[in-house]
Each structure stands twice: as structure tokens, then as C-alpha cells.
Amino acid sequence: TLLANPPRKPTLHLWKDAVWRAKGNWY
């Protein structure tokens, strides 16, 4: 959000051994 101090958008970091299963999300 713009209310963050400082304003920023987050990051997603998946290392090589991580498993990501996702459905119906908003990034």
C-alpha cells in the first residue's frame, strides 16, 4: 500500500527446493 513507510511493493522469493501451489490469488 502507499501507506507503507517507505511506500513499496513486496517481493516473492521461492528458493529452488520450495514448492508453490496457488489458486485464485491477487498479487
mmCIF file of all heavy atoms, coordinates in Angstrom:
data_MODEL
# 
_entry.id   MODEL 
# 
loop_
_atom_site.group_PDB 
_atom_site.id 
_atom_site.type_symbol 
_atom_site.label_atom_id 
_atom_site.label_alt_id 
_atom_site.label_comp_id 
_atom_site.label_asym_id 
_atom_site.label_entity_id 
_atom_site.label_seq_id 
_atom_site.pdbx_PDB_ins_code 
_atom_site.Cartn_x 
_atom_site.Cartn_y 
_atom_site.Cartn_z 
_atom_site.occupancy 
_atom_site.B_iso_or_equiv 
_atom_site.pdbx_formal_charge 
_atom_site.auth_seq_id 
_atom_site.auth_comp_id 
_atom_site.auth_asym_id 
_atom_site.auth_atom_id 
_atom_site.pdbx_PDB_model_num 
ATOM 1   N N   . THR A 1 1  ? 0.846  -1.191  0.000  1.00 0.00 ? 1  THR A N   1 
ATOM 2   C CA  . THR A 1 1  ? 0.000  0.000   0.000  1.00 0.00 ? 1  THR A CA  1 
ATOM 3   C C   . THR A 1 1  ? 0.876  1.233   0.000  1.00 0.00 ? 1  THR A C   1 
ATOM 4   O O   . THR A 1 1  ? 2.052  1.194   0.378  1.00 0.00 ? 1  THR A O   1 
ATOM 5   C CB  . THR A 1 1  ? -0.914 0.059   1.244  1.00 0.00 ? 1  THR A CB  1 
ATOM 6   O OG1 . THR A 1 1  ? -0.142 0.492   2.372  1.00 0.00 ? 1  THR A OG1 1 
ATOM 7   C CG2 . THR A 1 1  ? -1.537 -1.281  1.558  1.00 0.00 ? 1  THR A CG2 1 
ATOM 8   N N   . LEU A 1 2  ? 0.288  2.334   -0.403 1.00 0.00 ? 2  LEU A N   1 
ATOM 9   C CA  . LEU A 1 2  ? 1.006  3.606   -0.377 1.00 0.00 ? 2  LEU A CA  1 
ATOM 10  C C   . LEU A 1 2  ? 1.253  4.075   1.045  1.00 0.00 ? 2  LEU A C   1 
ATOM 11  O O   . LEU A 1 2  ? 2.047  4.984   1.282  1.00 0.00 ? 2  LEU A O   1 
ATOM 12  C CB  . LEU A 1 2  ? 0.213  4.662   -1.150 1.00 0.00 ? 2  LEU A CB  1 
ATOM 13  C CG  . LEU A 1 2  ? 0.028  4.399   -2.649 1.00 0.00 ? 2  LEU A CG  1 
ATOM 14  C CD1 . LEU A 1 2  ? -0.874 5.455   -3.250 1.00 0.00 ? 2  LEU A CD1 1 
ATOM 15  C CD2 . LEU A 1 2  ? 1.366  4.352   -3.358 1.00 0.00 ? 2  LEU A CD2 1 
ATOM 16  N N   . LEU A 1 3  ? 0.569  3.449   2.008  1.00 0.00 ? 3  LEU A N   1 
ATOM 17  C CA  . LEU A 1 3  ? 0.730  3.849   3.396  1.00 0.00 ? 3  LEU A CA  1 
ATOM 18  C C   . LEU A 1 3  ? 1.965  3.232   4.034  1.00 0.00 ? 3  LEU A C   1 
ATOM 19  O O   . LEU A 1 3  ? 2.313  3.562   5.164  1.00 0.00 ? 3  LEU A O   1 
ATOM 20  C CB  . LEU A 1 3  ? -0.514 3.445   4.204  1.00 0.00 ? 3  LEU A CB  1 
ATOM 21  C CG  . LEU A 1 3  ? -1.832 4.073   3.730  1.00 0.00 ? 3  LEU A CG  1 
ATOM 22  C CD1 . LEU A 1 3  ? -2.982 3.549   4.570  1.00 0.00 ? 3  LEU A CD1 1 
ATOM 23  C CD2 . LEU A 1 3  ? -1.759 5.587   3.808  1.00 0.00 ? 3  LEU A CD2 1 
ATOM 24  N N   . ALA A 1 4  ? 2.617  2.314   3.335  1.00 0.00 ? 4  ALA A N   1 
ATOM 25  C CA  . ALA A 1 4  ? 3.844  1.735   3.879  1.00 0.00 ? 4  ALA A CA  1 
ATOM 26  C C   . ALA A 1 4  ? 4.905  2.823   3.997  1.00 0.00 ? 4  ALA A C   1 
ATOM 27  O O   . ALA A 1 4  ? 4.901  3.808   3.256  1.00 0.00 ? 4  ALA A O   1 
ATOM 28  C CB  . ALA A 1 4  ? 4.346  0.604   2.987  1.00 0.00 ? 4  ALA A CB  1 
ATOM 29  N N   . ASN A 1 5  ? 5.835  2.626   4.919  1.00 0.00 ? 5  ASN A N   1 
ATOM 30  C CA  . ASN A 1 5  ? 6.873  3.635   5.146  1.00 0.00 ? 5  ASN A CA  1 
ATOM 31  C C   . ASN A 1 5  ? 8.245  2.980   5.015  1.00 0.00 ? 5  ASN A C   1 
ATOM 32  O O   . ASN A 1 5  ? 8.682  2.289   5.925  1.00 0.00 ? 5  ASN A O   1 
ATOM 33  C CB  . ASN A 1 5  ? 6.702  4.262   6.529  1.00 0.00 ? 5  ASN A CB  1 
ATOM 34  C CG  . ASN A 1 5  ? 7.698  5.396   6.760  1.00 0.00 ? 5  ASN A CG  1 
ATOM 35  O OD1 . ASN A 1 5  ? 8.223  5.942   5.804  1.00 0.00 ? 5  ASN A OD1 1 
ATOM 36  N ND2 . ASN A 1 5  ? 7.974  5.698   8.023  1.00 0.00 ? 5  ASN A ND2 1 
ATOM 37  N N   . PRO A 1 6  ? 8.967  3.167   3.887  1.00 0.00 ? 6  PRO A N   1 
ATOM 38  C CA  . PRO A 1 6  ? 8.534  3.936   2.716  1.00 0.00 ? 6  PRO A CA  1 
ATOM 39  C C   . PRO A 1 6  ? 7.575  3.126   1.849  1.00 0.00 ? 6  PRO A C   1 
ATOM 40  O O   . PRO A 1 6  ? 7.523  1.898   1.984  1.00 0.00 ? 6  PRO A O   1 
ATOM 41  C CB  . PRO A 1 6  ? 9.859  4.183   1.977  1.00 0.00 ? 6  PRO A CB  1 
ATOM 42  C CG  . PRO A 1 6  ? 10.685 2.984   2.320  1.00 0.00 ? 6  PRO A CG  1 
ATOM 43  C CD  . PRO A 1 6  ? 10.323 2.621   3.723  1.00 0.00 ? 6  PRO A CD  1 
ATOM 44  N N   . PRO A 1 7  ? 6.795  3.790   0.950  1.00 0.00 ? 7  PRO A N   1 
ATOM 45  C CA  . PRO A 1 7  ? 5.893  3.044   0.068  1.00 0.00 ? 7  PRO A CA  1 
ATOM 46  C C   . PRO A 1 7  ? 6.676  2.031   -0.759 1.00 0.00 ? 7  PRO A C   1 
ATOM 47  O O   . PRO A 1 7  ? 7.710  2.357   -1.335 1.00 0.00 ? 7  PRO A O   1 
ATOM 48  C CB  . PRO A 1 7  ? 5.270  4.130   -0.804 1.00 0.00 ? 7  PRO A CB  1 
ATOM 49  C CG  . PRO A 1 7  ? 5.403  5.384   0.000  1.00 0.00 ? 7  PRO A CG  1 
ATOM 50  C CD  . PRO A 1 7  ? 6.692  5.241   0.748  1.00 0.00 ? 7  PRO A CD  1 
ATOM 51  N N   . ARG A 1 8  ? 6.186  0.800   -0.803 1.00 0.00 ? 8  ARG A N   1 
ATOM 52  C CA  . ARG A 1 8  ? 6.896  -0.231  -1.555 1.00 0.00 ? 8  ARG A CA  1 
ATOM 53  C C   . ARG A 1 8  ? 5.946  -1.357  -1.886 1.00 0.00 ? 8  ARG A C   1 
ATOM 54  O O   . ARG A 1 8  ? 4.920  -1.537  -1.223 1.00 0.00 ? 8  ARG A O   1 
ATOM 55  C CB  . ARG A 1 8  ? 8.078  -0.799  -0.740 1.00 0.00 ? 8  ARG A CB  1 
ATOM 56  C CG  . ARG A 1 8  ? 7.659  -1.463  0.560  1.00 0.00 ? 8  ARG A CG  1 
ATOM 57  C CD  . ARG A 1 8  ? 8.850  -1.935  1.381  1.00 0.00 ? 8  ARG A CD  1 
ATOM 58  N NE  . ARG A 1 8  ? 9.624  -2.955  0.717  1.00 0.00 ? 8  ARG A NE  1 
ATOM 59  C CZ  . ARG A 1 8  ? 9.344  -4.262  0.806  1.00 0.00 ? 8  ARG A CZ  1 
ATOM 60  N NH1 . ARG A 1 8  ? 8.299  -4.680  1.486  1.00 0.00 ? 8  ARG A NH1 1 
ATOM 61  N NH2 . ARG A 1 8  ? 10.102 -5.139  0.218  1.00 0.00 ? 8  ARG A NH2 1 
ATOM 62  N N   . LYS A 1 9  ? 6.306  -2.099  -2.897 1.00 0.00 ? 9  LYS A N   1 
ATOM 63  C CA  . LYS A 1 9  ? 5.587  -3.327  -3.208 1.00 0.00 ? 9  LYS A CA  1 
ATOM 64  C C   . LYS A 1 9  ? 6.448  -4.508  -2.772 1.00 0.00 ? 9  LYS A C   1 
ATOM 65  O O   . LYS A 1 9  ? 7.673  -4.486  -2.932 1.00 0.00 ? 9  LYS A O   1 
ATOM 66  C CB  . LYS A 1 9  ? 5.270  -3.406  -4.693 1.00 0.00 ? 9  LYS A CB  1 
ATOM 67  C CG  . LYS A 1 9  ? 4.276  -2.364  -5.162 1.00 0.00 ? 9  LYS A CG  1 
ATOM 68  C CD  . LYS A 1 9  ? 3.894  -2.573  -6.616 1.00 0.00 ? 9  LYS A CD  1 
ATOM 69  C CE  . LYS A 1 9  ? 2.861  -1.543  -7.055 1.00 0.00 ? 9  LYS A CE  1 
ATOM 70  N NZ  . LYS A 1 9  ? 2.424  -1.771  -8.456 1.00 0.00 ? 9  LYS A NZ  1 
ATOM 71  N N   . PRO A 1 10 ? 5.855  -5.531  -2.238 1.00 0.00 ? 10 PRO A N   1 
ATOM 72  C CA  . PRO A 1 10 ? 6.642  -6.660  -1.728 1.00 0.00 ? 10 PRO A CA  1 
ATOM 73  C C   . PRO A 1 10 ? 7.165  -7.554  -2.841 1.00 0.00 ? 10 PRO A C   1 
ATOM 74  O O   . PRO A 1 10 ? 6.784  -7.429  -4.009 1.00 0.00 ? 10 PRO A O   1 
ATOM 75  C CB  . PRO A 1 10 ? 5.644  -7.413  -0.837 1.00 0.00 ? 10 PRO A CB  1 
ATOM 76  C CG  . PRO A 1 10 ? 4.308  -7.055  -1.371 1.00 0.00 ? 10 PRO A CG  1 
ATOM 77  C CD  . PRO A 1 10 ? 4.432  -5.665  -1.909 1.00 0.00 ? 10 PRO A CD  1 
ATOM 78  N N   . THR A 1 11 ? 8.039  -8.459  -2.448 1.00 0.00 ? 11 THR A N   1 
ATOM 79  C CA  . THR A 1 11 ? 8.605  -9.438  -3.376 1.00 0.00 ? 11 THR A CA  1 
ATOM 80  C C   . THR A 1 11 ? 8.229  -10.842 -2.932 1.00 0.00 ? 11 THR A C   1 
ATOM 81  O O   . THR A 1 11 ? 7.954  -11.093 -1.756 1.00 0.00 ? 11 THR A O   1 
ATOM 82  C CB  . THR A 1 11 ? 10.140 -9.321  -3.437 1.00 0.00 ? 11 THR A CB  1 
ATOM 83  O OG1 . THR A 1 11 ? 10.681 -9.617  -2.134 1.00 0.00 ? 11 THR A OG1 1 
ATOM 84  C CG2 . THR A 1 11 ? 10.567 -7.930  -3.857 1.00 0.00 ? 11 THR A CG2 1 
ATOM 85  N N   . LEU A 1 12 ? 8.229  -11.743 -3.901 1.00 0.00 ? 12 LEU A N   1 
ATOM 86  C CA  . LEU A 1 12 ? 8.035  -13.172 -3.642 1.00 0.00 ? 12 LEU A CA  1 
ATOM 87  C C   . LEU A 1 12 ? 9.303  -13.889 -4.072 1.00 0.00 ? 12 LEU A C   1 
ATOM 88  O O   . LEU A 1 12 ? 9.761  -13.716 -5.202 1.00 0.00 ? 12 LEU A O   1 
ATOM 89  C CB  . LEU A 1 12 ? 6.830  -13.693 -4.427 1.00 0.00 ? 12 LEU A CB  1 
ATOM 90  C CG  . LEU A 1 12 ? 6.617  -15.210 -4.453 1.00 0.00 ? 12 LEU A CG  1 
ATOM 91  C CD1 . LEU A 1 12 ? 6.316  -15.736 -3.059 1.00 0.00 ? 12 LEU A CD1 1 
ATOM 92  C CD2 . LEU A 1 12 ? 5.478  -15.572 -5.418 1.00 0.00 ? 12 LEU A CD2 1 
ATOM 93  N N   . HIS A 1 13 ? 9.892  -14.671 -3.172 1.00 0.00 ? 13 HIS A N   1 
ATOM 94  C CA  . HIS A 1 13 ? 11.146 -15.355 -3.469 1.00 0.00 ? 13 HIS A CA  1 
ATOM 95  C C   . HIS A 1 13 ? 11.008 -16.824 -3.089 1.00 0.00 ? 13 HIS A C   1 
ATOM 96  O O   . HIS A 1 13 ? 10.880 -17.154 -1.904 1.00 0.00 ? 13 HIS A O   1 
ATOM 97  C CB  . HIS A 1 13 ? 12.306 -14.708 -2.710 1.00 0.00 ? 13 HIS A CB  1 
ATOM 98  C CG  . HIS A 1 13 ? 13.646 -15.270 -3.060 1.00 0.00 ? 13 HIS A CG  1 
ATOM 99  N ND1 . HIS A 1 13 ? 14.816 -14.884 -2.423 1.00 0.00 ? 13 HIS A ND1 1 
ATOM 100 C CD2 . HIS A 1 13 ? 14.026 -16.199 -3.979 1.00 0.00 ? 13 HIS A CD2 1 
ATOM 101 C CE1 . HIS A 1 13 ? 15.828 -15.539 -2.940 1.00 0.00 ? 13 HIS A CE1 1 
ATOM 102 N NE2 . HIS A 1 13 ? 15.377 -16.356 -3.881 1.00 0.00 ? 13 HIS A NE2 1 
ATOM 103 N N   . LEU A 1 14 ? 11.035 -17.694 -4.095 1.00 0.00 ? 14 LEU A N   1 
ATOM 104 C CA  . LEU A 1 14 ? 10.948 -19.137 -3.884 1.00 0.00 ? 14 LEU A CA  1 
ATOM 105 C C   . LEU A 1 14 ? 12.299 -19.752 -4.203 1.00 0.00 ? 14 LEU A C   1 
ATOM 106 O O   . LEU A 1 14 ? 12.759 -19.697 -5.351 1.00 0.00 ? 14 LEU A O   1 
ATOM 107 C CB  . LEU A 1 14 ? 9.871  -19.751 -4.787 1.00 0.00 ? 14 LEU A CB  1 
ATOM 108 C CG  . LEU A 1 14 ? 8.478  -19.121 -4.693 1.00 0.00 ? 14 LEU A CG  1 
ATOM 109 C CD1 . LEU A 1 14 ? 7.545  -19.739 -5.730 1.00 0.00 ? 14 LEU A CD1 1 
ATOM 110 C CD2 . LEU A 1 14 ? 7.911  -19.289 -3.296 1.00 0.00 ? 14 LEU A CD2 1 
ATOM 111 N N   . TRP A 1 15 ? 12.953 -20.312 -3.183 1.00 0.00 ? 15 TRP A N   1 
ATOM 112 C CA  . TRP A 1 15 ? 14.217 -20.986 -3.412 1.00 0.00 ? 15 TRP A CA  1 
ATOM 113 C C   . TRP A 1 15 ? 13.971 -22.274 -4.187 1.00 0.00 ? 15 TRP A C   1 
ATOM 114 O O   . TRP A 1 15 ? 12.839 -22.752 -4.297 1.00 0.00 ? 15 TRP A O   1 
ATOM 115 C CB  . TRP A 1 15 ? 14.926 -21.257 -2.090 1.00 0.00 ? 15 TRP A CB  1 
ATOM 116 C CG  . TRP A 1 15 ? 15.404 -20.011 -1.385 1.00 0.00 ? 15 TRP A CG  1 
ATOM 117 C CD1 . TRP A 1 15 ? 14.805 -18.795 -1.358 1.00 0.00 ? 15 TRP A CD1 1 
ATOM 118 C CD2 . TRP A 1 15 ? 16.585 -19.894 -0.599 1.00 0.00 ? 15 TRP A CD2 1 
ATOM 119 N NE1 . TRP A 1 15 ? 15.521 -17.904 -0.599 1.00 0.00 ? 15 TRP A NE1 1 
ATOM 120 C CE2 . TRP A 1 15 ? 16.633 -18.551 -0.119 1.00 0.00 ? 15 TRP A CE2 1 
ATOM 121 C CE3 . TRP A 1 15 ? 17.602 -20.766 -0.244 1.00 0.00 ? 15 TRP A CE3 1 
ATOM 122 C CZ2 . TRP A 1 15 ? 17.660 -18.082 0.693  1.00 0.00 ? 15 TRP A CZ2 1 
ATOM 123 C CZ3 . TRP A 1 15 ? 18.631 -20.301 0.571  1.00 0.00 ? 15 TRP A CZ3 1 
ATOM 124 C CH2 . TRP A 1 15 ? 18.660 -18.972 1.027  1.00 0.00 ? 15 TRP A CH2 1 
ATOM 125 N N   . LYS A 1 16 ? 15.062 -22.869 -4.654 1.00 0.00 ? 16 LYS A N   1 
ATOM 126 C CA  . LYS A 1 16 ? 14.928 -23.987 -5.599 1.00 0.00 ? 16 LYS A CA  1 
ATOM 127 C C   . LYS A 1 16 ? 14.216 -25.192 -5.002 1.00 0.00 ? 16 LYS A C   1 
ATOM 128 O O   . LYS A 1 16 ? 13.574 -25.958 -5.723 1.00 0.00 ? 16 LYS A O   1 
ATOM 129 C CB  . LYS A 1 16 ? 16.301 -24.412 -6.120 1.00 0.00 ? 16 LYS A CB  1 
ATOM 130 C CG  . LYS A 1 16 ? 17.243 -24.999 -5.091 1.00 0.00 ? 16 LYS A CG  1 
ATOM 131 C CD  . LYS A 1 16 ? 18.575 -25.365 -5.703 1.00 0.00 ? 16 LYS A CD  1 
ATOM 132 C CE  . LYS A 1 16 ? 19.517 -26.020 -4.695 1.00 0.00 ? 16 LYS A CE  1 
ATOM 133 N NZ  . LYS A 1 16 ? 19.022 -27.337 -4.249 1.00 0.00 ? 16 LYS A NZ  1 
ATOM 134 N N   . ASP A 1 17 ? 14.272 -25.376 -3.687 1.00 0.00 ? 17 ASP A N   1 
ATOM 135 C CA  . ASP A 1 17 ? 13.625 -26.536 -3.082 1.00 0.00 ? 17 ASP A CA  1 
ATOM 136 C C   . ASP A 1 17 ? 12.219 -26.239 -2.566 1.00 0.00 ? 17 ASP A C   1 
ATOM 137 O O   . ASP A 1 17 ? 11.553 -27.115 -2.021 1.00 0.00 ? 17 ASP A O   1 
ATOM 138 C CB  . ASP A 1 17 ? 14.474 -27.058 -1.909 1.00 0.00 ? 17 ASP A CB  1 
ATOM 139 C CG  . ASP A 1 17 ? 15.810 -27.617 -2.372 1.00 0.00 ? 17 ASP A CG  1 
ATOM 140 O OD1 . ASP A 1 17 ? 15.851 -28.213 -3.467 1.00 0.00 ? 17 ASP A OD1 1 
ATOM 141 O OD2 . ASP A 1 17 ? 16.812 -27.468 -1.634 1.00 0.00 ? 17 ASP A OD2 1 
ATOM 142 N N   . ALA A 1 18 ? 11.745 -25.008 -2.738 1.00 0.00 ? 18 ALA A N   1 
ATOM 143 C CA  . ALA A 1 18 ? 10.415 -24.650 -2.264 1.00 0.00 ? 18 ALA A CA  1 
ATOM 144 C C   . ALA A 1 18 ? 9.354  -25.051 -3.281 1.00 0.00 ? 18 ALA A C   1 
ATOM 145 O O   . ALA A 1 18 ? 9.583  -25.034 -4.490 1.00 0.00 ? 18 ALA A O   1 
ATOM 146 C CB  . ALA A 1 18 ? 10.344 -23.148 -1.994 1.00 0.00 ? 18 ALA A CB  1 
ATOM 147 N N   . VAL A 1 19 ? 8.175  -25.394 -2.780 1.00 0.00 ? 19 VAL A N   1 
ATOM 148 C CA  . VAL A 1 19 ? 7.032  -25.772 -3.622 1.00 0.00 ? 19 VAL A CA  1 
ATOM 149 C C   . VAL A 1 19 ? 5.941  -24.713 -3.439 1.00 0.00 ? 19 VAL A C   1 
ATOM 150 O O   . VAL A 1 19 ? 5.568  -24.383 -2.312 1.00 0.00 ? 19 VAL A O   1 
ATOM 151 C CB  . VAL A 1 19 ? 6.496  -27.161 -3.238 1.00 0.00 ? 19 VAL A CB  1 
ATOM 152 C CG1 . VAL A 1 19 ? 5.247  -27.500 -4.047 1.00 0.00 ? 19 VAL A CG1 1 
ATOM 153 C CG2 . VAL A 1 19 ? 7.573  -28.228 -3.433 1.00 0.00 ? 19 VAL A CG2 1 
ATOM 154 N N   . TRP A 1 20 ? 5.423  -24.210 -4.566 1.00 0.00 ? 20 TRP A N   1 
ATOM 155 C CA  . TRP A 1 20 ? 4.389  -23.169 -4.575 1.00 0.00 ? 20 TRP A CA  1 
ATOM 156 C C   . TRP A 1 20 ? 3.142  -23.713 -5.266 1.00 0.00 ? 20 TRP A C   1 
ATOM 157 O O   . TRP A 1 20 ? 3.180  -24.109 -6.425 1.00 0.00 ? 20 TRP A O   1 
ATOM 158 C CB  . TRP A 1 20 ? 4.914  -21.946 -5.307 1.00 0.00 ? 20 TRP A CB  1 
ATOM 159 C CG  . TRP A 1 20 ? 3.953  -20.797 -5.449 1.00 0.00 ? 20 TRP A CG  1 
ATOM 160 C CD1 . TRP A 1 20 ? 3.184  -20.495 -6.535 1.00 0.00 ? 20 TRP A CD1 1 
ATOM 161 C CD2 . TRP A 1 20 ? 3.691  -19.776 -4.485 1.00 0.00 ? 20 TRP A CD2 1 
ATOM 162 N NE1 . TRP A 1 20 ? 2.466  -19.359 -6.319 1.00 0.00 ? 20 TRP A NE1 1 
ATOM 163 C CE2 . TRP A 1 20 ? 2.747  -18.887 -5.062 1.00 0.00 ? 20 TRP A CE2 1 
ATOM 164 C CE3 . TRP A 1 20 ? 4.154  -19.516 -3.196 1.00 0.00 ? 20 TRP A CE3 1 
ATOM 165 C CZ2 . TRP A 1 20 ? 2.266  -17.772 -4.391 1.00 0.00 ? 20 TRP A CZ2 1 
ATOM 166 C CZ3 . TRP A 1 20 ? 3.677  -18.406 -2.532 1.00 0.00 ? 20 TRP A CZ3 1 
ATOM 167 C CH2 . TRP A 1 20 ? 2.745  -17.550 -3.116 1.00 0.00 ? 20 TRP A CH2 1 
ATOM 168 N N   . ARG A 1 21 ? 2.037  -23.752 -4.531 1.00 0.00 ? 21 ARG A N   1 
ATOM 169 C CA  . ARG A 1 21 ? 0.766  -24.197 -5.099 1.00 0.00 ? 21 ARG A CA  1 
ATOM 170 C C   . ARG A 1 21 ? -0.261 -23.104 -4.826 1.00 0.00 ? 21 ARG A C   1 
ATOM 171 O O   . ARG A 1 21 ? -0.543 -22.808 -3.663 1.00 0.00 ? 21 ARG A O   1 
ATOM 172 C CB  . ARG A 1 21 ? 0.312  -25.514 -4.468 1.00 0.00 ? 21 ARG A CB  1 
ATOM 173 C CG  . ARG A 1 21 ? 1.279  -26.671 -4.717 1.00 0.00 ? 21 ARG A CG  1 
ATOM 174 C CD  . ARG A 1 21 ? 0.924  -27.876 -3.885 1.00 0.00 ? 21 ARG A CD  1 
ATOM 175 N NE  . ARG A 1 21 ? 1.869  -28.971 -4.083 1.00 0.00 ? 21 ARG A NE  1 
ATOM 176 C CZ  . ARG A 1 21 ? 2.087  -29.938 -3.208 1.00 0.00 ? 21 ARG A CZ  1 
ATOM 177 N NH1 . ARG A 1 21 ? 1.421  -29.957 -2.055 1.00 0.00 ? 21 ARG A NH1 1 
ATOM 178 N NH2 . ARG A 1 21 ? 2.957  -30.888 -3.477 1.00 0.00 ? 21 ARG A NH2 1 
ATOM 179 N N   . ALA A 1 22 ? -0.801 -22.498 -5.877 1.00 0.00 ? 22 ALA A N   1 
ATOM 180 C CA  . ALA A 1 22 ? -1.625 -21.315 -5.676 1.00 0.00 ? 22 ALA A CA  1 
ATOM 181 C C   . ALA A 1 22 ? -2.809 -21.324 -6.631 1.00 0.00 ? 22 ALA A C   1 
ATOM 182 O O   . ALA A 1 22 ? -2.736 -21.839 -7.751 1.00 0.00 ? 22 ALA A O   1 
ATOM 183 C CB  . ALA A 1 22 ? -0.790 -20.059 -5.880 1.00 0.00 ? 22 ALA A CB  1 
ATOM 184 N N   . LYS A 1 23 ? -3.916 -20.699 -6.150 1.00 0.00 ? 23 LYS A N   1 
ATOM 185 C CA  . LYS A 1 23 ? -5.132 -20.670 -6.961 1.00 0.00 ? 23 LYS A CA  1 
ATOM 186 C C   . LYS A 1 23 ? -5.988 -19.463 -6.567 1.00 0.00 ? 23 LYS A C   1 
ATOM 187 O O   . LYS A 1 23 ? -6.252 -19.227 -5.390 1.00 0.00 ? 23 LYS A O   1 
ATOM 188 C CB  . LYS A 1 23 ? -5.926 -21.967 -6.747 1.00 0.00 ? 23 LYS A CB  1 
ATOM 189 C CG  . LYS A 1 23 ? -7.218 -22.056 -7.550 1.00 0.00 ? 23 LYS A CG  1 
ATOM 190 C CD  . LYS A 1 23 ? -7.828 -23.446 -7.456 1.00 0.00 ? 23 LYS A CD  1 
ATOM 191 C CE  . LYS A 1 23 ? -8.234 -23.767 -6.028 1.00 0.00 ? 23 LYS A CE  1 
ATOM 192 N NZ  . LYS A 1 23 ? -8.928 -25.083 -5.929 1.00 0.00 ? 23 LYS A NZ  1 
ATOM 193 N N   . GLY A 1 24 ? -6.393 -18.705 -7.569 1.00 0.00 ? 24 GLY A N   1 
ATOM 194 C CA  . GLY A 1 24 ? -7.356 -17.648 -7.355 1.00 0.00 ? 24 GLY A CA  1 
ATOM 195 C C   . GLY A 1 24 ? -6.860 -16.491 -6.518 1.00 0.00 ? 24 GLY A C   1 
ATOM 196 O O   . GLY A 1 24 ? -7.652 -15.865 -5.807 1.00 0.00 ? 24 GLY A O   1 
ATOM 197 N N   . ASN A 1 25 ? -5.568 -16.155 -6.622 1.00 0.00 ? 25 ASN A N   1 
ATOM 198 C CA  . ASN A 1 25 ? -4.996 -15.087 -5.801 1.00 0.00 ? 25 ASN A CA  1 
ATOM 199 C C   . ASN A 1 25 ? -4.831 -13.786 -6.587 1.00 0.00 ? 25 ASN A C   1 
ATOM 200 O O   . ASN A 1 25 ? -4.936 -13.758 -7.811 1.00 0.00 ? 25 ASN A O   1 
ATOM 201 C CB  . ASN A 1 25 ? -3.638 -15.525 -5.245 1.00 0.00 ? 25 ASN A CB  1 
ATOM 202 C CG  . ASN A 1 25 ? -3.742 -16.782 -4.423 1.00 0.00 ? 25 ASN A CG  1 
ATOM 203 O OD1 . ASN A 1 25 ? -4.597 -16.899 -3.552 1.00 0.00 ? 25 ASN A OD1 1 
ATOM 204 N ND2 . ASN A 1 25 ? -2.877 -17.753 -4.703 1.00 0.00 ? 25 ASN A ND2 1 
ATOM 205 N N   . TRP A 1 26 ? -4.509 -12.726 -5.872 1.00 0.00 ? 26 TRP A N   1 
ATOM 206 C CA  . TRP A 1 26 ? -4.223 -11.410 -6.454 1.00 0.00 ? 26 TRP A CA  1 
ATOM 207 C C   . TRP A 1 26 ? -2.869 -10.972 -5.915 1.00 0.00 ? 26 TRP A C   1 
ATOM 208 O O   . TRP A 1 26 ? -2.661 -10.883 -4.706 1.00 0.00 ? 26 TRP A O   1 
ATOM 209 C CB  . TRP A 1 26 ? -5.309 -10.422 -6.039 1.00 0.00 ? 26 TRP A CB  1 
ATOM 210 C CG  . TRP A 1 26 ? -5.156 -9.040  -6.611 1.00 0.00 ? 26 TRP A CG  1 
ATOM 211 C CD1 . TRP A 1 26 ? -4.187 -8.575  -7.449 1.00 0.00 ? 26 TRP A CD1 1 
ATOM 212 C CD2 . TRP A 1 26 ? -6.033 -7.940  -6.376 1.00 0.00 ? 26 TRP A CD2 1 
ATOM 213 N NE1 . TRP A 1 26 ? -4.393 -7.263  -7.747 1.00 0.00 ? 26 TRP A NE1 1 
ATOM 214 C CE2 . TRP A 1 26 ? -5.519 -6.838  -7.109 1.00 0.00 ? 26 TRP A CE2 1 
ATOM 215 C CE3 . TRP A 1 26 ? -7.188 -7.771  -5.625 1.00 0.00 ? 26 TRP A CE3 1 
ATOM 216 C CZ2 . TRP A 1 26 ? -6.134 -5.595  -7.091 1.00 0.00 ? 26 TRP A CZ2 1 
ATOM 217 C CZ3 . TRP A 1 26 ? -7.802 -6.528  -5.618 1.00 0.00 ? 26 TRP A CZ3 1 
ATOM 218 C CH2 . TRP A 1 26 ? -7.283 -5.455  -6.346 1.00 0.00 ? 26 TRP A CH2 1 
ATOM 219 N N   . TYR A 1 27 ? -1.946 -10.704 -6.845 1.00 0.00 ? 27 TYR A N   1 
ATOM 220 C CA  . TYR A 1 27 ? -0.609 -10.267 -6.477 1.00 0.00 ? 27 TYR A CA  1 
ATOM 221 C C   . TYR A 1 27 ? -0.383 -8.836  -6.971 1.00 0.00 ? 27 TYR A C   1 
ATOM 222 O O   . TYR A 1 27 ? -0.691 -8.505  -8.120 1.00 0.00 ? 27 TYR A O   1 
ATOM 223 C CB  . TYR A 1 27 ? 0.460  -11.176 -7.101 1.00 0.00 ? 27 TYR A CB  1 
ATOM 224 C CG  . TYR A 1 27 ? 0.206  -12.654 -6.891 1.00 0.00 ? 27 TYR A CG  1 
ATOM 225 C CD1 . TYR A 1 27 ? 0.119  -13.518 -7.986 1.00 0.00 ? 27 TYR A CD1 1 
ATOM 226 C CD2 . TYR A 1 27 ? 0.044  -13.181 -5.618 1.00 0.00 ? 27 TYR A CD2 1 
ATOM 227 C CE1 . TYR A 1 27 ? -0.104 -14.871 -7.815 1.00 0.00 ? 27 TYR A CE1 1 
ATOM 228 C CE2 . TYR A 1 27 ? -0.190 -14.535 -5.433 1.00 0.00 ? 27 TYR A CE2 1 
ATOM 229 C CZ  . TYR A 1 27 ? -0.273 -15.374 -6.534 1.00 0.00 ? 27 TYR A CZ  1 
ATOM 230 O OH  . TYR A 1 27 ? -0.516 -16.714 -6.355 1.00 0.00 ? 27 TYR A OH  1 
# 
